[in-house]
């Protein structure tokens, strides 16, 4: 699983991060820069407002910054999937 460099730093510091993907995946172990993490699906996201409860642990300063990056990377996608990623102990 890939994360942008600043988000990798956030994950390493906080051990948990919420991330958005354009596809629905199951719970699994994933490798992020040599760290074994658990990817936990939390559901479908259809709007920026649905991300509000997760923004503090997203690695972004604001919901607008997070949503702007999501739409920049995936301009045509209308439905996204939210995941909690946590470093396994």
N, C-alpha and C. Protein backbone atom coordinates (compact mmCIF):
# COMPACT_ATOMS: atom_id res chain seq x y z
N UNK A 1 0.85 -1.17 0.00
CA UNK A 1 0.00 0.00 0.00
C UNK A 1 0.89 1.23 0.00
N UNK A 2 0.55 2.20 -0.79
CA UNK A 2 1.38 3.39 -0.88
C UNK A 2 0.72 4.58 -0.18
N UNK A 3 1.56 5.40 0.42
CA UNK A 3 1.16 6.66 1.01
C UNK A 3 2.13 7.73 0.54
N UNK A 4 1.66 8.97 0.46
CA UNK A 4 2.55 10.08 0.13
C UNK A 4 3.56 10.24 1.26
N UNK A 5 4.78 10.71 0.96
CA UNK A 5 5.82 10.81 2.00
C UNK A 5 5.38 11.48 3.30
N UNK A 6 4.69 12.63 3.29
CA UNK A 6 4.29 13.22 4.58
C UNK A 6 3.32 12.34 5.37
N UNK A 7 2.54 11.55 4.66
CA UNK A 7 1.59 10.67 5.34
C UNK A 7 2.29 9.46 5.94
N UNK A 8 3.38 9.02 5.33
CA UNK A 8 4.19 7.95 5.92
C UNK A 8 4.79 8.42 7.24
N UNK A 9 5.26 9.66 7.26
CA UNK A 9 5.82 10.24 8.49
C UNK A 9 4.74 10.28 9.57
N UNK A 10 3.54 10.72 9.20
CA UNK A 10 2.42 10.78 10.14
C UNK A 10 2.12 9.39 10.70
N UNK A 11 2.05 8.39 9.84
CA UNK A 11 1.77 7.02 10.27
C UNK A 11 2.85 6.53 11.24
N UNK A 12 4.09 6.77 10.91
CA UNK A 12 5.17 6.30 11.79
C UNK A 12 5.12 6.98 13.16
N UNK A 13 4.75 8.24 13.18
CA UNK A 13 4.69 8.99 14.44
C UNK A 13 3.47 8.60 15.28
N UNK A 14 2.31 8.47 14.63
CA UNK A 14 1.06 8.25 15.36
C UNK A 14 0.57 6.80 15.36
N UNK A 15 1.20 5.98 14.51
CA UNK A 15 0.91 4.55 14.42
C UNK A 15 -0.45 4.22 13.82
N UNK A 16 -1.23 5.22 13.49
CA UNK A 16 -2.55 5.06 12.87
C UNK A 16 -2.77 6.21 11.90
N UNK A 17 -3.45 5.90 10.80
CA UNK A 17 -3.83 6.95 9.85
C UNK A 17 -5.11 6.51 9.14
N UNK A 18 -5.94 7.48 8.80
CA UNK A 18 -7.11 7.21 7.96
C UNK A 18 -6.75 7.61 6.54
N UNK A 19 -7.12 6.76 5.59
CA UNK A 19 -6.77 7.01 4.20
C UNK A 19 -7.95 6.66 3.29
N UNK A 20 -7.97 7.28 2.15
CA UNK A 20 -9.03 7.09 1.16
C UNK A 20 -8.46 6.37 -0.05
N UNK A 21 -9.24 5.47 -0.60
CA UNK A 21 -8.88 4.78 -1.83
C UNK A 21 -10.08 4.80 -2.77
N UNK A 22 -9.82 4.60 -4.03
CA UNK A 22 -10.92 4.60 -5.00
C UNK A 22 -11.52 3.21 -5.21
N UNK A 23 -11.05 2.25 -4.44
CA UNK A 23 -11.54 0.88 -4.59
C UNK A 23 -11.83 0.29 -3.21
N UNK A 24 -12.74 -0.66 -3.18
CA UNK A 24 -13.14 -1.33 -1.95
C UNK A 24 -12.29 -2.59 -1.77
N UNK A 25 -11.63 -2.68 -0.64
CA UNK A 25 -10.76 -3.83 -0.35
C UNK A 25 -11.14 -4.43 1.00
N UNK A 26 -10.72 -5.64 1.22
CA UNK A 26 -10.99 -6.30 2.49
C UNK A 26 -9.91 -5.95 3.51
N UNK A 27 -10.17 -6.34 4.73
CA UNK A 27 -9.18 -6.17 5.80
C UNK A 27 -7.98 -7.05 5.46
N UNK A 28 -6.80 -6.50 5.62
CA UNK A 28 -5.60 -7.27 5.26
C UNK A 28 -4.38 -6.66 5.93
N UNK A 29 -3.32 -7.43 5.93
CA UNK A 29 -2.02 -6.91 6.33
C UNK A 29 -1.38 -6.32 5.08
N UNK A 30 -0.79 -5.14 5.22
CA UNK A 30 -0.13 -4.47 4.11
C UNK A 30 1.24 -3.99 4.55
N UNK A 31 2.13 -3.86 3.60
CA UNK A 31 3.48 -3.37 3.86
C UNK A 31 3.57 -1.92 3.42
N UNK A 32 3.97 -1.06 4.34
CA UNK A 32 4.20 0.35 4.03
C UNK A 32 5.61 0.67 4.49
N UNK A 33 6.51 0.81 3.54
CA UNK A 33 7.92 1.09 3.84
C UNK A 33 8.53 0.12 4.85
N UNK A 34 8.21 -1.15 4.72
CA UNK A 34 8.77 -2.15 5.62
C UNK A 34 8.01 -2.32 6.92
N UNK A 35 6.99 -1.51 7.14
CA UNK A 35 6.16 -1.66 8.34
C UNK A 35 4.97 -2.53 8.00
N UNK A 36 4.71 -3.53 8.79
CA UNK A 36 3.53 -4.36 8.59
C UNK A 36 2.36 -3.68 9.29
N UNK A 37 1.35 -3.37 8.49
CA UNK A 37 0.19 -2.64 8.99
C UNK A 37 -1.08 -3.42 8.72
N UNK A 38 -2.10 -3.11 9.48
CA UNK A 38 -3.42 -3.68 9.26
C UNK A 38 -4.28 -2.63 8.57
N UNK A 39 -4.89 -3.01 7.44
CA UNK A 39 -5.80 -2.12 6.70
C UNK A 39 -7.22 -2.56 7.03
N UNK A 40 -7.98 -1.64 7.63
CA UNK A 40 -9.34 -1.96 8.07
C UNK A 40 -10.33 -1.11 7.28
N UNK A 41 -11.20 -1.74 6.49
CA UNK A 41 -12.18 -0.97 5.73
C UNK A 41 -13.27 -0.41 6.65
N UNK A 42 -13.60 0.87 6.43
CA UNK A 42 -14.61 1.53 7.26
C UNK A 42 -15.86 1.91 6.49
N UNK A 43 -15.79 1.86 5.17
CA UNK A 43 -17.01 2.15 4.40
C UNK A 43 -16.81 3.13 3.27
N UNK A 44 -17.91 3.34 2.58
CA UNK A 44 -17.93 4.20 1.40
C UNK A 44 -18.07 5.66 1.79
N UNK A 45 -17.38 6.51 1.06
CA UNK A 45 -17.42 7.96 1.28
C UNK A 45 -17.93 8.62 0.01
N UNK A 46 -18.99 9.41 0.16
CA UNK A 46 -19.58 10.09 -0.99
C UNK A 46 -19.43 11.60 -0.93
N UNK A 47 -18.99 12.12 0.23
CA UNK A 47 -18.87 13.58 0.36
C UNK A 47 -17.73 13.95 1.29
N UNK A 48 -17.28 15.16 1.13
CA UNK A 48 -16.23 15.69 1.99
C UNK A 48 -16.66 15.69 3.46
N UNK A 49 -17.90 16.03 3.71
CA UNK A 49 -18.41 16.12 5.08
C UNK A 49 -18.33 14.79 5.82
N UNK A 50 -18.43 13.69 5.09
CA UNK A 50 -18.36 12.37 5.73
C UNK A 50 -16.98 12.09 6.33
N UNK A 51 -15.98 12.84 5.91
CA UNK A 51 -14.62 12.65 6.41
C UNK A 51 -14.33 13.42 7.70
N UNK A 52 -15.21 14.29 8.08
CA UNK A 52 -14.98 15.18 9.23
C UNK A 52 -14.50 14.43 10.48
N UNK A 53 -15.10 13.31 10.87
CA UNK A 53 -14.64 12.64 12.09
C UNK A 53 -13.22 12.06 12.01
N UNK A 54 -12.66 11.98 10.82
CA UNK A 54 -11.38 11.31 10.62
C UNK A 54 -10.22 12.24 10.28
N UNK A 55 -10.51 13.50 10.05
CA UNK A 55 -9.48 14.42 9.53
C UNK A 55 -8.29 14.57 10.48
N UNK A 56 -8.51 14.55 11.78
CA UNK A 56 -7.40 14.73 12.73
C UNK A 56 -6.37 13.63 12.64
N UNK A 57 -6.79 12.46 12.17
CA UNK A 57 -5.86 11.34 12.06
C UNK A 57 -5.61 10.96 10.59
N UNK A 58 -5.77 11.94 9.71
CA UNK A 58 -5.56 11.71 8.27
C UNK A 58 -4.19 12.13 7.79
N UNK A 59 -3.51 12.93 8.60
CA UNK A 59 -2.24 13.48 8.15
C UNK A 59 -2.39 14.82 7.45
N UNK A 60 -3.63 15.29 7.32
CA UNK A 60 -3.90 16.59 6.71
C UNK A 60 -4.34 17.58 7.78
N UNK A 61 -4.04 18.85 7.56
CA UNK A 61 -4.38 19.88 8.55
C UNK A 61 -5.89 20.16 8.60
N UNK A 62 -6.54 20.12 7.42
CA UNK A 62 -7.97 20.46 7.35
C UNK A 62 -8.69 19.48 6.43
N UNK A 63 -9.99 19.44 6.59
CA UNK A 63 -10.79 18.60 5.71
C UNK A 63 -10.70 19.10 4.26
N UNK A 64 -10.62 20.43 4.08
CA UNK A 64 -10.50 20.98 2.73
C UNK A 64 -9.20 20.55 2.06
N UNK A 65 -8.12 20.54 2.82
CA UNK A 65 -6.83 20.12 2.25
C UNK A 65 -6.89 18.64 1.87
N UNK A 66 -7.50 17.83 2.70
CA UNK A 66 -7.61 16.40 2.42
C UNK A 66 -8.47 16.16 1.17
N UNK A 67 -9.65 16.80 1.13
CA UNK A 67 -10.56 16.62 0.00
C UNK A 67 -9.95 17.14 -1.30
N UNK A 68 -9.24 18.26 -1.23
CA UNK A 68 -8.57 18.81 -2.43
C UNK A 68 -7.57 17.80 -2.98
N UNK A 69 -6.78 17.18 -2.12
CA UNK A 69 -5.79 16.18 -2.56
C UNK A 69 -6.49 14.95 -3.14
N UNK A 70 -7.56 14.51 -2.51
CA UNK A 70 -8.32 13.36 -3.02
C UNK A 70 -8.81 13.64 -4.43
N UNK A 71 -9.42 14.80 -4.63
CA UNK A 71 -9.98 15.14 -5.94
C UNK A 71 -8.89 15.44 -6.97
N UNK A 72 -7.74 15.92 -6.52
CA UNK A 72 -6.61 16.16 -7.42
C UNK A 72 -6.08 14.84 -7.98
N UNK A 73 -6.00 13.84 -7.15
CA UNK A 73 -5.48 12.53 -7.57
C UNK A 73 -6.53 11.76 -8.36
N UNK A 74 -7.80 11.92 -8.00
CA UNK A 74 -8.89 11.16 -8.62
C UNK A 74 -10.02 12.09 -9.06
N UNK A 75 -9.80 12.92 -10.06
CA UNK A 75 -10.80 13.95 -10.40
C UNK A 75 -12.15 13.42 -10.89
N UNK A 76 -12.18 12.26 -11.47
CA UNK A 76 -13.44 11.75 -12.04
C UNK A 76 -14.20 10.79 -11.13
N UNK A 77 -13.57 10.38 -10.06
CA UNK A 77 -14.18 9.40 -9.16
C UNK A 77 -15.18 10.11 -8.25
N UNK A 78 -16.35 9.52 -8.07
CA UNK A 78 -17.40 10.11 -7.23
C UNK A 78 -17.58 9.36 -5.90
N UNK A 79 -17.06 8.16 -5.83
CA UNK A 79 -17.23 7.33 -4.65
C UNK A 79 -15.85 6.84 -4.20
N UNK A 80 -15.59 6.96 -2.91
CA UNK A 80 -14.31 6.56 -2.36
C UNK A 80 -14.55 5.61 -1.20
N UNK A 81 -13.45 4.98 -0.75
CA UNK A 81 -13.54 4.04 0.37
C UNK A 81 -12.55 4.47 1.45
N UNK A 82 -13.02 4.49 2.66
CA UNK A 82 -12.22 4.93 3.81
C UNK A 82 -11.63 3.71 4.52
N UNK A 83 -10.35 3.84 4.90
CA UNK A 83 -9.66 2.78 5.62
C UNK A 83 -8.91 3.36 6.81
N UNK A 84 -8.87 2.59 7.86
CA UNK A 84 -7.99 2.87 8.98
C UNK A 84 -6.79 1.97 8.79
N UNK A 85 -5.60 2.54 8.84
CA UNK A 85 -4.38 1.77 8.73
C UNK A 85 -3.61 1.95 10.02
N UNK A 86 -3.24 0.84 10.63
CA UNK A 86 -2.51 0.92 11.90
C UNK A 86 -1.32 -0.04 11.86
N UNK A 87 -0.23 0.43 12.43
CA UNK A 87 0.97 -0.40 12.51
C UNK A 87 0.70 -1.52 13.49
N UNK A 88 1.00 -2.74 13.09
CA UNK A 88 0.82 -3.88 13.99
C UNK A 88 1.91 -3.86 15.06
N UNK A 89 1.54 -4.24 16.23
CA UNK A 89 2.49 -4.27 17.36
C UNK A 89 3.46 -5.41 17.21
